[in-house]
Protein backbone atom coordinates (compact mmCIF):
# COMPACT_ATOMS: atom_id res chain seq x y z
CA UNK A 1 86.31 108.99 92.68
CA UNK A 2 84.25 105.72 92.82
CA UNK A 3 85.23 103.44 96.04
CA UNK A 4 85.69 99.76 95.83
CA UNK A 5 83.23 97.87 98.04
CA UNK A 6 85.03 95.36 100.41
CA UNK A 7 83.52 92.73 102.87
CA UNK A 8 86.26 92.68 105.06
CA UNK A 9 89.99 94.67 105.14
CA UNK A 10 92.86 93.27 106.86
CA UNK A 11 96.10 95.91 107.10
CA UNK A 12 98.88 95.29 109.66
CA UNK A 13 102.43 96.45 109.74
CA UNK A 14 101.82 100.16 109.28
CA UNK A 15 104.32 101.40 111.61
CA UNK A 16 102.88 105.05 111.83
CA UNK A 17 105.68 107.05 113.65
CA UNK A 18 108.29 105.49 111.84
CA UNK A 19 110.34 107.01 109.13
CA UNK A 20 109.91 104.05 106.90
CA UNK A 21 105.98 103.98 106.95
CA UNK A 22 104.39 104.97 103.32
CA UNK A 23 101.61 106.63 105.04
CA UNK A 24 100.64 109.08 101.92
CA UNK A 25 100.38 105.89 99.92
CA UNK A 26 98.13 103.89 102.38
CA UNK A 27 95.98 107.30 102.75
CA UNK A 28 95.35 107.07 98.91
CA UNK A 29 94.49 103.39 98.93
CA UNK A 30 91.85 104.00 102.00
CA UNK A 31 90.01 106.77 100.06
CA UNK A 32 89.59 104.12 97.45
CA UNK A 33 88.13 101.50 99.27
CA UNK A 34 84.84 101.21 101.39
CA UNK A 35 85.04 98.05 103.89
CA UNK A 36 82.34 96.63 105.73
CA UNK A 37 84.80 95.53 108.49
CA UNK A 38 87.95 97.04 109.18
CA UNK A 39 90.87 94.63 111.00
CA UNK A 40 93.93 96.61 112.21
CA UNK A 41 96.42 93.49 112.66
CA UNK A 42 99.05 94.94 114.75
CA UNK A 43 101.94 97.08 114.68
CA UNK A 44 99.82 100.00 113.40
CA UNK A 45 101.40 102.75 115.48
CA UNK A 46 104.93 101.93 116.09
CA UNK A 47 105.18 102.62 120.28
CA UNK A 48 108.79 101.52 119.82
CA UNK A 49 110.07 104.17 117.87
CA UNK A 50 107.34 106.96 118.76
CA UNK A 51 108.82 110.18 119.28
CA UNK A 52 107.46 113.41 119.50
CA UNK A 53 110.13 114.75 116.97
CA UNK A 54 108.99 112.81 114.29
CA UNK A 55 104.96 112.29 113.44
CA UNK A 56 104.37 113.85 110.31
CA UNK A 57 100.79 115.10 109.26
CA UNK A 58 100.19 112.20 106.92
CA UNK A 59 100.36 109.94 109.58
CA UNK A 60 97.98 111.76 111.68
CA UNK A 61 95.58 111.72 108.59
CA UNK A 62 96.07 108.08 108.61
CA UNK A 63 94.68 108.07 112.08
CA UNK A 64 91.77 110.27 110.92
CA UNK A 65 90.68 107.87 108.24
CA UNK A 66 90.49 105.05 110.76
CA UNK A 67 88.23 106.97 113.00
CA UNK A 68 86.23 108.08 110.36
CA UNK A 69 85.76 104.57 109.02
CA UNK A 70 84.93 103.59 112.84
CA UNK A 71 81.64 106.00 112.37
CA UNK A 72 79.90 103.57 110.42
CA UNK A 73 81.49 100.31 110.44
CA UNK A 74 83.09 98.32 112.85
CA UNK A 75 87.09 98.57 113.46
CA UNK A 76 89.06 95.58 115.07
CA UNK A 77 92.70 96.70 116.75
CA UNK A 78 94.57 93.44 117.51
CA UNK A 79 97.95 94.83 118.81
CA UNK A 80 101.20 93.51 117.59
CA UNK A 81 104.61 93.57 118.98
CA UNK A 82 105.32 97.21 118.13
CA UNK A 83 102.35 98.54 120.13
CA UNK A 84 102.45 95.80 122.61
CA UNK A 85 101.69 98.17 125.14
CA UNK A 86 98.06 98.65 124.11
CA UNK A 87 97.52 95.04 125.39
CA UNK A 88 97.44 96.17 129.10
CA UNK A 89 94.17 97.94 128.04
CA UNK A 90 92.37 94.71 126.99
CA UNK A 91 89.74 94.84 126.82
CA UNK A 92 88.61 97.95 125.24
CA UNK A 93 85.92 99.61 123.22
CA UNK A 94 86.05 103.27 122.10
CA UNK A 95 82.81 103.52 119.72
CA UNK A 96 83.09 101.30 116.84
CA UNK A 97 86.75 100.58 117.58
CA UNK A 98 87.34 97.21 119.82
CA UNK A 99 90.94 96.50 121.34
CA UNK A 100 91.03 92.93 121.28
CA UNK A 101 94.07 90.17 121.24
CA UNK A 102 92.50 88.12 118.35
CA UNK A 103 89.53 87.91 116.27
CA UNK A 104 87.47 84.91 115.14
CA UNK A 105 85.11 85.47 112.34
CA UNK A 106 82.56 83.53 110.31
CA UNK A 107 82.51 84.26 106.45
CA UNK A 108 80.44 82.48 104.42
CA UNK A 109 80.11 79.26 106.80
CA UNK A 110 84.07 79.59 107.30
CA UNK A 111 85.93 80.37 110.27
CA UNK A 112 88.70 82.80 109.93
CA UNK A 113 91.21 83.21 112.81
CA UNK A 114 93.12 86.45 112.90
CA UNK A 115 95.74 87.42 115.08
CA UNK A 116 99.02 89.63 114.84
CA UNK A 117 101.60 86.62 115.32
CA UNK A 118 104.34 87.64 117.45
CA UNK A 119 103.19 85.27 120.05
CA UNK A 120 104.93 82.67 117.79
CA UNK A 121 108.18 84.43 117.41
CA UNK A 122 110.73 83.49 119.68
CA UNK A 123 112.89 86.29 118.99
CA UNK A 124 110.45 88.82 120.13
CA UNK A 125 108.99 86.84 123.25
CA UNK A 126 112.49 85.65 124.37
CA UNK A 127 114.74 88.61 123.40
CA UNK A 128 112.55 91.59 123.37
CA UNK A 129 115.62 94.30 123.59
CA UNK A 130 117.66 92.79 120.37
CA UNK A 131 113.82 92.95 118.26
CA UNK A 132 113.71 96.78 119.22
CA UNK A 133 117.37 96.97 117.73
CA UNK A 134 116.46 94.90 114.81
CA UNK A 135 113.43 97.56 114.17
CA UNK A 136 115.50 100.33 114.14
CA UNK A 137 117.89 99.22 111.88
CA UNK A 138 115.10 97.60 109.59
CA UNK A 139 113.67 101.12 109.93
CA UNK A 140 116.88 102.77 108.99
CA UNK A 141 117.65 100.26 105.60
CA UNK A 142 113.72 101.05 104.15
CA UNK A 143 114.73 104.89 104.59
CA UNK A 144 118.16 104.86 102.70
CA UNK A 145 116.43 102.07 100.14
CA UNK A 146 113.53 104.69 99.32
CA UNK A 147 116.63 107.36 98.51
CA UNK A 148 118.25 105.00 96.42
CA UNK A 149 115.35 104.66 94.45
CA UNK A 150 114.54 107.90 93.82
CA UNK A 151 118.07 108.42 92.40
CA UNK A 152 117.80 104.85 90.23
CA UNK A 153 113.95 106.44 88.95
CA UNK A 154 115.91 109.38 87.85
CA UNK A 155 118.38 107.04 85.44
CA UNK A 156 115.29 105.03 84.28
CA UNK A 157 116.56 102.09 86.60
CA UNK A 158 114.00 99.83 88.39
CA UNK A 159 113.91 100.06 91.96
CA UNK A 160 115.57 97.42 94.45
CA UNK A 161 114.54 96.20 97.79
CA UNK A 162 117.53 96.16 100.21
CA UNK A 163 115.81 94.74 102.97
CA UNK A 164 113.69 92.09 100.97
CA UNK A 165 116.97 90.81 99.82
CA UNK A 166 118.90 90.54 103.26
CA UNK A 167 116.10 88.91 104.95
CA UNK A 168 115.98 86.23 102.21
CA UNK A 169 119.78 85.76 102.13
CA UNK A 170 120.09 85.49 106.23
CA UNK A 171 119.82 81.62 107.02
CA UNK A 172 118.22 83.00 110.69
CA UNK A 173 115.72 85.11 109.35
CA UNK A 174 114.43 82.48 106.74
CA UNK A 175 114.19 79.89 109.59
CA UNK A 176 112.66 82.66 111.57
CA UNK A 177 109.69 83.27 109.28
CA UNK A 178 109.22 79.21 108.59
CA UNK A 179 109.03 78.91 112.29
CA UNK A 180 106.46 81.20 112.44
CA UNK A 181 104.37 80.20 109.91
CA UNK A 182 104.58 76.61 110.27
CA UNK A 183 103.38 76.89 114.39
CA UNK A 184 100.51 79.51 113.08
CA UNK A 185 99.01 76.95 110.41
CA UNK A 186 99.81 73.93 112.75
CA UNK A 187 97.60 75.55 115.65
CA UNK A 188 95.01 76.82 113.22
CA UNK A 189 94.58 73.00 112.03
CA UNK A 190 94.42 71.88 115.49
CA UNK A 191 91.55 74.25 116.35
CA UNK A 192 89.38 73.48 112.86
CA UNK A 193 89.75 76.77 111.54
CA UNK A 194 89.33 77.35 107.62
CA UNK A 195 91.74 80.32 107.36
CA UNK A 196 94.37 81.81 109.78
CA UNK A 197 95.11 85.55 109.04
CA UNK A 198 98.53 87.26 110.24
CA UNK A 199 101.01 90.05 110.03
CA UNK A 200 104.68 90.70 111.66
CA UNK A 201 107.10 88.86 109.17
CA UNK A 202 105.75 91.55 106.17
CA UNK A 203 105.18 89.14 103.53
CA UNK A 204 102.16 88.86 102.11
CA UNK A 205 100.94 85.80 100.84
CA UNK A 206 97.87 83.50 100.21
CA UNK A 207 98.50 79.77 100.38
CA UNK A 208 97.03 76.57 100.79
CA UNK A 209 98.82 74.24 103.91
CA UNK A 210 98.34 71.28 105.79
CA UNK A 211 99.54 68.67 107.74
CA UNK A 212 98.68 64.94 108.70
CA UNK A 213 95.74 66.36 110.62
CA UNK A 214 94.29 68.55 108.20
CA UNK A 215 94.36 71.92 106.04
CA UNK A 216 94.24 75.39 106.31
CA UNK A 217 94.47 78.71 104.22
CA UNK A 218 97.30 80.61 105.40
CA UNK A 219 97.08 84.50 105.00
CA UNK A 220 99.18 87.47 105.45
CA UNK A 221 98.75 91.08 104.74
CA UNK A 222 102.08 91.91 104.31
CA UNK A 223 102.95 95.67 105.38
CA UNK A 224 103.16 99.47 104.34
CA UNK A 225 106.77 99.73 104.65
CA UNK A 226 108.13 98.09 101.87
CA UNK A 227 105.10 96.05 100.02
CA UNK A 228 102.30 98.22 100.69
CA UNK A 229 99.70 94.99 100.89
CA UNK A 230 96.32 94.76 102.12
CA UNK A 231 94.24 91.69 102.26
CA UNK A 232 90.71 92.36 100.95
CA UNK A 233 87.75 89.86 101.27
CA UNK A 234 84.81 89.62 98.66
CA UNK A 235 82.28 88.08 97.12
CA UNK A 236 83.84 85.00 99.24
CA UNK A 237 87.13 85.04 98.21
CA UNK A 238 90.67 86.43 99.76
CA UNK A 239 93.00 88.51 97.43
CA UNK A 240 95.80 90.46 98.25
CA UNK A 241 95.95 94.10 96.91
CA UNK A 242 99.39 95.66 96.01
CA UNK A 243 99.57 99.34 95.90
CA UNK A 244 100.21 100.75 92.68
CA UNK A 245 100.82 104.56 92.17
CA UNK A 246 99.70 104.61 88.83
CA UNK A 247 95.98 103.54 89.91
CA UNK A 248 95.90 106.85 91.25
CA UNK A 249 97.33 109.05 88.63
CA UNK A 250 94.79 112.14 88.13
CA UNK A 251 93.20 111.59 90.95
CA UNK A 252 93.48 114.85 93.48
CA UNK A 253 93.94 114.09 97.37
CA UNK A 254 94.23 116.33 100.01
CA UNK A 255 98.27 117.30 100.03
CA UNK A 256 98.80 115.96 103.77
CA UNK A 257 102.38 117.28 104.06
CA UNK A 258 100.94 120.75 104.15
CA UNK A 259 98.15 119.72 106.68
CA UNK A 260 98.58 121.04 110.42
CA UNK A 261 97.75 118.51 113.16
CA UNK A 262 95.54 121.52 114.54
CA UNK A 263 93.63 121.60 111.09
CA UNK A 264 93.33 117.59 111.59
CA UNK A 265 91.94 117.94 115.22
CA UNK A 266 89.24 120.63 113.74
CA UNK A 267 88.34 118.73 111.01
CA UNK A 268 87.31 115.10 112.80
CA UNK A 269 83.63 115.49 114.41
CA UNK A 270 82.52 115.58 117.54
CA UNK A 271 86.30 115.86 118.78
CA UNK A 272 86.70 112.00 117.96
CA UNK A 273 90.44 112.48 117.91
CA UNK A 274 90.73 114.63 120.73
CA UNK A 275 89.80 111.40 122.43
CA UNK A 276 92.05 109.03 120.76
CA UNK A 277 95.12 111.11 121.59
CA UNK A 278 94.17 111.51 125.08
CA UNK A 279 93.84 107.76 125.52
CA UNK A 280 96.88 107.65 123.70
CA UNK A 281 98.72 110.16 125.99
CA UNK A 282 97.56 107.54 128.93
CA UNK A 283 98.87 104.69 127.05
CA UNK A 284 102.57 106.35 126.97
CA UNK A 285 102.58 106.56 130.43
CA UNK A 286 102.29 103.06 131.18
CA UNK A 287 106.07 101.88 131.52
CA UNK A 288 107.20 99.98 128.39
């Protein structure tokens, strides 16, 4: 298939290793685009929930796809709260893959500040153990929601989204999102940036924001658990891409469910994935 050309692609909150991760859908999307720059804006690998008992081939295939992209274009990995142990390696570089805490880009004369956003979330900075429990509960809700939607589909019913309804109905969750966005916007305006791009809250959006000190465009790339969205920058404009299975009907992709990990390792050039796995094993030795 012909790949869409993208100047900058931002992905966040993929949560590889979590059961709620939509890795197969993400893999299809990645094979349909050709970015000149890829930014992985946090919570890419869910180290909080990582288990050797669950890491499907499709999840490994996504990692391989990132490595393949990095063979020809720069890839920035900005850790979030679920992969925050990677911050202990900063600064880190592996070929075209750079591990940074934040990224400042100049695009067509405008400054874009990119970071995950968890530093402005008090529930993470002051209640880490509660955040971990909440993360596991959220993953379980996503998996259960997916099961219910498969049943609803058989009866011709539209899918429902438990987690979205739950978050929008809980006052504390709504306030948390509002506080997070307000702080990110406030700091971006103070620093004179034109755009601020975050992840973390799993709510994709593009909107103008202003206060008495100025204005900024707030961007959020969403996630690959329930929204399945990405931020794309092309021809001077930012857009939110939302995955649609209908876009890939009739297009054959590798059946990742039947690919073994050894096959993935062998198919990656120059043993790159072996080096990544070794690095990740070293990371896991760090006390979280």
